[in-house]
C-alpha atoms as a PDB file:
ATOM      1  CA  MET A   1       8.784  38.709  23.727  1.00  0.00           C
ATOM      2  CA  LYS A   2      10.190  38.347  20.228  1.00  0.00           C
ATOM      3  CA  PHE A   3      12.574  39.951  17.793  1.00  0.00           C
ATOM      4  CA  LYS A   4      11.672  39.188  14.203  1.00  0.00           C
ATOM      5  CA  ILE A   5      12.820  40.212  10.741  1.00  0.00           C
ATOM      6  CA  GLU A   6      10.325  40.613   7.921  1.00  0.00           C
ATOM      7  CA  LYS A   7      11.061  37.876   5.404  1.00  0.00           C
ATOM      8  CA  THR A   8      10.910  40.234   2.404  1.00  0.00           C
ATOM      9  CA  ILE A   9      14.092  41.907   3.707  1.00  0.00           C
ATOM     10  CA  PHE A  10      15.958  38.646   3.081  1.00  0.00           C
ATOM     11  CA  GLU A  11      14.976  38.931  -0.580  1.00  0.00           C
ATOM     12  CA  LYS A  12      17.236  42.003  -0.760  1.00  0.00           C
ATOM     13  CA  ILE A  13      19.901  40.819   1.713  1.00  0.00           C
ATOM     14  CA  PRO A  14      19.784  36.994   1.796  1.00  0.00           C
ATOM     15  CA  ASN A  15      22.783  36.673   4.120  1.00  0.00           C
ATOM     16  CA  LEU A  16      21.605  39.193   6.734  1.00  0.00           C
ATOM     17  CA  TYR A  17      22.585  37.910  10.190  1.00  0.00           C
ATOM     18  CA  VAL A  18      21.588  39.830  13.314  1.00  0.00           C
ATOM     19  CA  GLY A  19      22.944  38.943  16.715  1.00  0.00           C
ATOM     20  CA  VAL A  20      20.646  39.575  19.676  1.00  0.00           C
ATOM     21  CA  VAL A  21      21.515  40.362  23.288  1.00  0.00           C
ATOM     22  CA  VAL A  22      18.784  41.230  25.790  1.00  0.00           C
ATOM     23  CA  ALA A  23      19.401  42.254  29.400  1.00  0.00           C
ATOM     24  CA  LYS A  24      16.918  42.883  32.208  1.00  0.00           C
ATOM     25  CA  GLY A  25      17.508  44.189  35.711  1.00  0.00           C
ATOM     26  CA  VAL A  26      20.212  46.705  34.759  1.00  0.00           C
ATOM     27  CA  ASP A  27      21.117  49.617  37.030  1.00  0.00           C
ATOM     28  CA  ASN A  28      22.189  52.219  34.467  1.00  0.00           C
ATOM     29  CA  ALA A  29      22.351  55.085  36.967  1.00  0.00           C
ATOM     30  CA  LYS A  30      25.656  54.025  38.533  1.00  0.00           C
ATOM     31  CA  LYS A  31      29.223  54.561  37.364  1.00  0.00           C
ATOM     32  CA  TYR A  32      31.149  51.529  36.142  1.00  0.00           C
ATOM     33  CA  PRO A  33      34.897  52.205  35.778  1.00  0.00           C
ATOM     34  CA  GLU A  34      35.388  49.000  33.775  1.00  0.00           C
ATOM     35  CA  ILE A  35      33.093  50.325  31.028  1.00  0.00           C
ATOM     36  CA  ASP A  36      34.992  53.613  30.995  1.00  0.00           C
ATOM     37  CA  HIS A  37      38.221  51.670  30.411  1.00  0.00           C
ATOM     38  CA  LEU A  38      36.648  49.505  27.689  1.00  0.00           C
ATOM     39  CA  LEU A  39      35.457  52.557  25.780  1.00  0.00           C
ATOM     40  CA  LYS A  40      38.808  54.306  26.172  1.00  0.00           C
ATOM     41  CA  ASP A  41      40.645  51.240  24.806  1.00  0.00           C
ATOM     42  CA  SER A  42      38.262  50.886  21.837  1.00  0.00           C
ATOM     43  CA  LEU A  43      38.620  54.576  20.994  1.00  0.00           C
ATOM     44  CA  LYS A  44      42.413  54.350  21.068  1.00  0.00           C
ATOM     45  CA  LEU A  45      42.388  51.374  18.694  1.00  0.00           C
ATOM     46  CA  ALA A  46      39.940  53.153  16.373  1.00  0.00           C
ATOM     47  CA  GLU A  47      42.106  56.272  16.235  1.00  0.00           C
ATOM     48  CA  GLU A  48      45.158  54.203  15.324  1.00  0.00           C
ATOM     49  CA  ARG A  49      43.313  52.053  12.798  1.00  0.00           C
ATOM     50  CA  PHE A  50      41.940  54.860  10.665  1.00  0.00           C
ATOM     51  CA  LEU A  51      44.797  57.327  10.863  1.00  0.00           C
ATOM     52  CA  ASN A  52      45.125  58.808   7.342  1.00  0.00           C
ATOM     53  CA  LYS A  53      42.677  56.217   5.953  1.00  0.00           C
ATOM     54  CA  LYS A  54      39.207  56.487   4.412  1.00  0.00           C
ATOM     55  CA  VAL A  55      36.686  54.693   6.598  1.00  0.00           C
ATOM     56  CA  LYS A  56      34.276  53.986   3.732  1.00  0.00           C
ATOM     57  CA  GLU A  57      36.962  51.972   1.906  1.00  0.00           C
ATOM     58  CA  ASP A  58      37.687  49.635   4.821  1.00  0.00           C
ATOM     59  CA  GLU A  59      36.925  45.987   3.991  1.00  0.00           C
ATOM     60  CA  SER A  60      34.766  45.660   7.111  1.00  0.00           C
ATOM     61  CA  ILE A  61      32.671  48.704   6.202  1.00  0.00           C
ATOM     62  CA  VAL A  62      32.173  48.110   2.463  1.00  0.00           C
ATOM     63  CA  PRO A  63      29.608  45.254   2.889  1.00  0.00           C
ATOM     64  CA  TYR A  64      27.314  47.551   4.885  1.00  0.00           C
ATOM     65  CA  ARG A  65      27.520  50.237   2.232  1.00  0.00           C
ATOM     66  CA  GLU A  66      26.624  47.652  -0.391  1.00  0.00           C
ATOM     67  CA  ALA A  67      23.702  46.413   1.736  1.00  0.00           C
ATOM     68  CA  PHE A  68      22.426  49.983   2.096  1.00  0.00           C
ATOM     69  CA  ARG A  69      22.418  50.224  -1.707  1.00  0.00           C
ATOM     70  CA  MET A  70      20.496  46.945  -1.918  1.00  0.00           C
ATOM     71  CA  LEU A  71      17.846  48.519   0.298  1.00  0.00           C
ATOM     72  CA  GLY A  72      17.686  51.608  -1.924  1.00  0.00           C
ATOM     73  CA  MET A  73      19.720  53.919   0.327  1.00  0.00           C
ATOM     74  CA  ASN A  74      22.683  56.082  -0.651  1.00  0.00           C
ATOM     75  CA  PRO A  75      25.505  55.102   1.774  1.00  0.00           C
ATOM     76  CA  ASN A  76      27.219  58.448   1.209  1.00  0.00           C
ATOM     77  CA  LYS A  77      24.139  60.151   2.631  1.00  0.00           C
ATOM     78  CA  PHE A  78      23.101  57.516   5.151  1.00  0.00           C
ATOM     79  CA  GLN A  79      25.993  55.830   6.968  1.00  0.00           C
ATOM     80  CA  CYS A  80      25.489  52.785   9.144  1.00  0.00           C
ATOM     81  CA  SER A  81      26.139  53.496  12.804  1.00  0.00           C
ATOM     82  CA  VAL A  82      29.628  51.984  13.033  1.00  0.00           C
ATOM     83  CA  GLU A  83      30.820  53.810   9.898  1.00  0.00           C
ATOM     84  CA  ALA A  84      29.504  57.043  11.402  1.00  0.00           C
ATOM     85  CA  LEU A  85      31.386  56.355  14.649  1.00  0.00           C
ATOM     86  CA  PHE A  86      34.669  55.596  12.895  1.00  0.00           C
ATOM     87  CA  THR A  87      34.281  58.599  10.587  1.00  0.00           C
ATOM     88  CA  ARG A  88      33.756  60.891  13.553  1.00  0.00           C
ATOM     89  CA  ILE A  89      36.852  59.508  15.272  1.00  0.00           C
ATOM     90  CA  ALA A  90      38.956  59.647  12.086  1.00  0.00           C
ATOM     91  CA  LYS A  91      38.145  63.352  11.800  1.00  0.00           C
ATOM     92  CA  GLY A  92      39.569  63.930  15.268  1.00  0.00           C
ATOM     93  CA  LYS A  93      36.207  64.487  16.938  1.00  0.00           C
ATOM     94  CA  LYS A  94      35.777  63.174  20.447  1.00  0.00           C
ATOM     95  CA  LEU A  95      33.206  60.521  21.282  1.00  0.00           C
ATOM     96  CA  PRO A  96      31.579  61.597  24.546  1.00  0.00           C
ATOM     97  CA  SER A  97      30.545  59.280  27.338  1.00  0.00           C
ATOM     98  CA  ILE A  98      26.723  59.023  27.355  1.00  0.00           C
ATOM     99  CA  ASN A  99      25.821  56.484  30.017  1.00  0.00           C
ATOM    100  CA  PRO A 100      27.062  52.964  30.906  1.00  0.00           C
ATOM    101  CA  LEU A 101      24.844  50.980  28.506  1.00  0.00           C
ATOM    102  CA  VAL A 102      25.466  53.264  25.533  1.00  0.00           C
ATOM    103  CA  ASP A 103      29.199  53.436  26.299  1.00  0.00           C
ATOM    104  CA  LEU A 104      29.379  49.625  26.492  1.00  0.00           C
ATOM    105  CA  ASN A 105      27.508  49.402  23.183  1.00  0.00           C
ATOM    106  CA  ASN A 106      29.921  51.830  21.504  1.00  0.00           C
ATOM    107  CA  ALA A 107      32.985  50.111  22.931  1.00  0.00           C
ATOM    108  CA  THR A 108      31.790  46.738  21.618  1.00  0.00           C
ATOM    109  CA  SER A 109      30.750  48.155  18.242  1.00  0.00           C
ATOM    110  CA  LEU A 110      34.138  49.808  17.702  1.00  0.00           C
ATOM    111  CA  LYS A 111      36.123  46.797  18.893  1.00  0.00           C
ATOM    112  CA  HIS A 112      34.366  44.381  16.546  1.00  0.00           C
ATOM    113  CA  THR A 113      33.558  46.829  13.692  1.00  0.00           C
ATOM    114  CA  LEU A 114      29.848  45.997  13.824  1.00  0.00           C
ATOM    115  CA  PRO A 115      26.781  48.255  13.751  1.00  0.00           C
ATOM    116  CA  MET A 116      24.955  47.919  17.065  1.00  0.00           C
ATOM    117  CA  GLY A 117      21.967  49.549  18.687  1.00  0.00           C
ATOM    118  CA  THR A 118      20.590  49.953  22.190  1.00  0.00           C
ATOM    119  CA  HIS A 119      16.831  50.048  22.726  1.00  0.00           C
ATOM    120  CA  ASP A 120      14.945  50.521  25.987  1.00  0.00           C
ATOM    121  CA  LEU A 121      12.214  47.872  26.087  1.00  0.00           C
ATOM    122  CA  GLY A 122      10.652  49.095  29.305  1.00  0.00           C
ATOM    123  CA  ARG A 123       8.107  51.341  27.582  1.00  0.00           C
ATOM    124  CA  SER A 124       6.254  48.626  25.686  1.00  0.00           C
ATOM    125  CA  ASP A 125       5.599  44.888  25.780  1.00  0.00           C
ATOM    126  CA  GLU A 126       5.203  44.663  22.002  1.00  0.00           C
ATOM    127  CA  ASP A 127       7.681  42.717  19.886  1.00  0.00           C
ATOM    128  CA  ILE A 128      10.637  44.439  18.269  1.00  0.00           C
ATOM    129  CA  GLU A 129      10.888  44.046  14.496  1.00  0.00           C
ATOM    130  CA  LEU A 130      13.139  44.843  11.569  1.00  0.00           C
ATOM    131  CA  ARG A 131      10.694  45.500   8.730  1.00  0.00           C
ATOM    132  CA  TYR A 132       9.504  47.913   6.064  1.00  0.00           C
ATOM    133  CA  VAL A 133       7.640  50.901   7.491  1.00  0.00           C
ATOM    134  CA  ARG A 134       3.873  51.115   7.031  1.00  0.00           C
ATOM    135  CA  ASN A 135       1.134  53.726   7.293  1.00  0.00           C
ATOM    136  CA  GLY A 136       0.778  54.741  10.921  1.00  0.00           C
ATOM    137  CA  ASP A 137       4.434  54.196  11.853  1.00  0.00           C
ATOM    138  CA  THR A 138       6.068  57.212  13.510  1.00  0.00           C
ATOM    139  CA  PHE A 139       9.611  58.421  14.175  1.00  0.00           C
ATOM    140  CA  VAL A 140      10.713  61.030  16.710  1.00  0.00           C
ATOM    141  CA  PRO A 141      14.337  62.140  16.184  1.00  0.00           C
ATOM    142  CA  MET A 142      16.733  62.011  19.122  1.00  0.00           C
ATOM    143  CA  GLY A 143      16.349  65.124  21.247  1.00  0.00           C
ATOM    144  CA  SER A 144      13.036  66.117  19.670  1.00  0.00           C
ATOM    145  CA  THR A 145       9.334  65.818  20.468  1.00  0.00           C
ATOM    146  CA  GLU A 146       8.155  66.239  16.879  1.00  0.00           C
ATOM    147  CA  THR A 147       7.563  63.351  14.492  1.00  0.00           C
ATOM    148  CA  GLU A 148       9.589  63.127  11.290  1.00  0.00           C
ATOM    149  CA  GLU A 149       8.158  61.981   7.984  1.00  0.00           C
ATOM    150  CA  LEU A 150       9.250  58.516   6.881  1.00  0.00           C
ATOM    151  CA  ASP A 151      10.078  57.543   3.309  1.00  0.00           C
ATOM    152  CA  ASN A 152       8.223  54.810   1.432  1.00  0.00           C
ATOM    153  CA  ASP A 153       9.967  51.419   1.330  1.00  0.00           C
ATOM    154  CA  GLU A 154      12.174  52.326   4.286  1.00  0.00           C
ATOM    155  CA  VAL A 155      13.535  49.511   6.457  1.00  0.00           C
ATOM    156  CA  ALA A 156      13.569  50.230  10.186  1.00  0.00           C
ATOM    157  CA  TYR A 157      13.745  48.736  13.653  1.00  0.00           C
ATOM    158  CA  LEU A 158      10.330  49.184  15.297  1.00  0.00           C
ATOM    159  CA  VAL A 159       8.456  48.370  18.481  1.00  0.00           C
ATOM    160  CA  GLY A 160       4.794  48.350  17.521  1.00  0.00           C
ATOM    161  CA  ASN A 161       4.375  51.452  15.363  1.00  0.00           C
ATOM    162  CA  GLU A 162       7.307  53.309  16.946  1.00  0.00           C
ATOM    163  CA  VAL A 163      10.366  53.467  14.711  1.00  0.00           C
ATOM    164  CA  ARG A 164      13.391  52.916  16.922  1.00  0.00           C
ATOM    165  CA  THR A 165      16.063  53.196  14.193  1.00  0.00           C
ATOM    166  CA  ARG A 166      15.442  54.718  10.765  1.00  0.00           C
ATOM    167  CA  ARG A 167      17.009  53.270   7.638  1.00  0.00           C
ATOM    168  CA  TRP A 168      18.035  49.990   9.256  1.00  0.00           C
ATOM    169  CA  ALA A 169      21.192  50.959  11.178  1.00  0.00           C
ATOM    170  CA  TRP A 170      21.349  54.702  10.599  1.00  0.00           C
ATOM    171  CA  ARG A 171      19.556  56.962  13.079  1.00  0.00           C
ATOM    172  CA  GLN A 172      17.999  56.085  16.449  1.00  0.00           C
ATOM    173  CA  SER A 173      14.851  57.616  17.901  1.00  0.00           C
ATOM    174  CA  GLU A 174      13.981  59.520  21.051  1.00  0.00           C
ATOM    175  CA  ASN A 175      11.536  56.667  21.696  1.00  0.00           C
ATOM    176  CA  GLY A 176      13.504  53.833  23.208  1.00  0.00           C
ATOM    177  CA  LYS A 177      16.431  56.088  24.143  1.00  0.00           C
ATOM    178  CA  ILE A 178      18.689  54.666  26.851  1.00  0.00           C
ATOM    179  CA  THR A 179      18.559  56.731  30.059  1.00  0.00           C
ATOM    180  CA  ALA A 180      19.610  56.390  33.685  1.00  0.00           C
ATOM    181  CA  GLU A 181      16.214  54.763  34.303  1.00  0.00           C
ATOM    182  CA  THR A 182      16.665  52.050  31.657  1.00  0.00           C
ATOM    183  CA  GLU A 183      16.644  48.567  33.157  1.00  0.00           C
ATOM    184  CA  TYR A 184      15.471  46.412  30.214  1.00  0.00           C
ATOM    185  CA  VAL A 185      17.546  46.705  27.039  1.00  0.00           C
ATOM    186  CA  PHE A 186      17.779  45.125  23.574  1.00  0.00           C
ATOM    187  CA  PHE A 187      21.019  45.132  21.547  1.00  0.00           C
ATOM    188  CA  PRO A 188      20.879  44.191  17.840  1.00  0.00           C
ATOM    189  CA  ILE A 189      24.244  43.407  16.236  1.00  0.00           C
ATOM    190  CA  ASP A 190      24.027  43.617  12.440  1.00  0.00           C
ATOM    191  CA  GLY A 191      26.142  41.407  10.206  1.00  0.00           C
ATOM    192  CA  PHE A 192      26.189  38.977   7.307  1.00  0.00           C
ATOM    193  CA  LYS A 193      26.244  35.189   7.251  1.00  0.00           C
ATOM    194  CA  GLY A 194      29.357  33.793   5.651  1.00  0.00           C
ATOM    195  CA  LEU A 195      31.143  37.122   5.992  1.00  0.00           C
ATOM    196  CA  ASN A 196      31.286  38.308   9.607  1.00  0.00           C
ATOM    197  CA  ASP A 197      28.709  36.155  11.408  1.00  0.00           C
ATOM    198  CA  LYS A 198      31.434  34.634  13.586  1.00  0.00           C
ATOM    199  CA  GLU A 199      32.435  38.151  14.666  1.00  0.00           C
ATOM    200  CA  VAL A 200      28.775  38.904  15.425  1.00  0.00           C
ATOM    201  CA  ASP A 201      28.569  35.785  17.604  1.00  0.00           C
ATOM    202  CA  LYS A 202      31.843  36.674  19.314  1.00  0.00           C
ATOM    203  CA  ALA A 203      30.611  40.209  20.074  1.00  0.00           C
ATOM    204  CA  ALA A 204      27.288  38.877  21.384  1.00  0.00           C
ATOM    205  CA  ILE A 205      28.968  36.393  23.719  1.00  0.00           C
ATOM    206  CA  GLU A 206      31.409  39.025  24.968  1.00  0.00           C
ATOM    207  CA  LEU A 207      28.648  41.593  25.492  1.00  0.00           C
ATOM    208  CA  ALA A 208      26.430  39.093  27.333  1.00  0.00           C
ATOM    209  CA  GLU A 209      29.278  38.133  29.664  1.00  0.00           C
ATOM    210  CA  LEU A 210      30.086  41.783  30.407  1.00  0.00           C
ATOM    211  CA  LEU A 211      26.445  42.636  31.111  1.00  0.00           C
ATOM    212  CA  GLU A 212      26.069  39.706  33.500  1.00  0.00           C
ATOM    213  CA  ARG A 213      29.313  40.422  35.333  1.00  0.00           C
ATOM    214  CA  ILE A 214      29.174  44.216  35.514  1.00  0.00           C
ATOM    215  CA  PHE A 215      25.443  44.797  36.006  1.00  0.00           C
ATOM    216  CA  LYS A 216      24.573  41.492  37.732  1.00  0.00           C
ATOM    217  CA  CYS A 217      21.499  41.278  35.495  1.00  0.00           C
ATOM    218  CA  LYS A 218      19.639  38.567  33.560  1.00  0.00           C
ATOM    219  CA  VAL A 219      20.829  38.129  29.968  1.00  0.00           C
ATOM    220  CA  VAL A 220      19.802  36.083  26.937  1.00  0.00           C
ATOM    221  CA  SER A 221      21.431  36.022  23.516  1.00  0.00           C
ATOM    222  CA  GLY A 222      20.932  34.482  20.096  1.00  0.00           C
ATOM    223  CA  HIS A 223      20.622  35.459  16.452  1.00  0.00           C
ATOM    224  CA  VAL A 224      18.172  35.835  13.577  1.00  0.00           C
ATOM    225  CA  ASP A 225      18.815  34.989   9.927  1.00  0.00           C
ATOM    226  CA  ALA A 226      16.957  33.792   6.817  1.00  0.00           C
ATOM    227  CA  GLU A 227      16.654  30.259   8.190  1.00  0.00           C
ATOM    228  CA  SER A 228      15.316  31.407  11.552  1.00  0.00           C
ATOM    229  CA  SER A 229      13.653  34.815  11.268  1.00  0.00           C
ATOM    230  CA  GLU A 230      12.482  35.076  14.906  1.00  0.00           C
ATOM    231  CA  PHE A 231      14.156  34.991  18.304  1.00  0.00           C
ATOM    232  CA  GLU A 232      11.915  34.641  21.369  1.00  0.00           C
ATOM    233  CA  TRP A 233      12.862  35.116  24.996  1.00  0.00           C
ATOM    234  CA  SER A 234      11.405  35.387  28.474  1.00  0.00           C
ATOM    235  CA  LEU A 235      13.142  37.289  31.264  1.00  0.00           C
END
């Protein structure tokens, strides 16, 4: 199986750098106290970090807002996932526990200030891609059964013709949602070469080690950038 980024995206964001962590053989139906503690610690740090501060002005968030503009998106209307998380927390809203894989994703994303996603790969054996949407691509919003119209020239994470995340790192789909039955999962970690790629690598290594130790599952990790636009694995 492969993860690949359409090369035309690098024309807009030449330094795009996406870390990849893939795990197979996960039992996501159990409780894992260690993940609960990790999320609690990350939330506490986030609350302290953005007390009386504007999230969108943080030096770690600004590059994502600029990249959204490069892709033709208004970052005030469409926030990347980690900005949305921090904004929610800064407003005093609680971040609920969802399930172990999603909680681990959120804990890692908050700790490293990186947009991350979680995608169930058990429903399809097609490659996962970051590319511009095409005719025939579909998106089902989280919690819905109805498809939502996509905009022209929209960048998205897809498996086949199923959009998994609209507008790059903005809004995930019902298709590929992580559930108690999920056992095969793909984590993209979005960053920029020469800016925070070392943090992306650090988060990927940390996440891979936690997945292996906590879930006792098989894990592979790597990255994709302009010089190497595909990452292939076999688990």
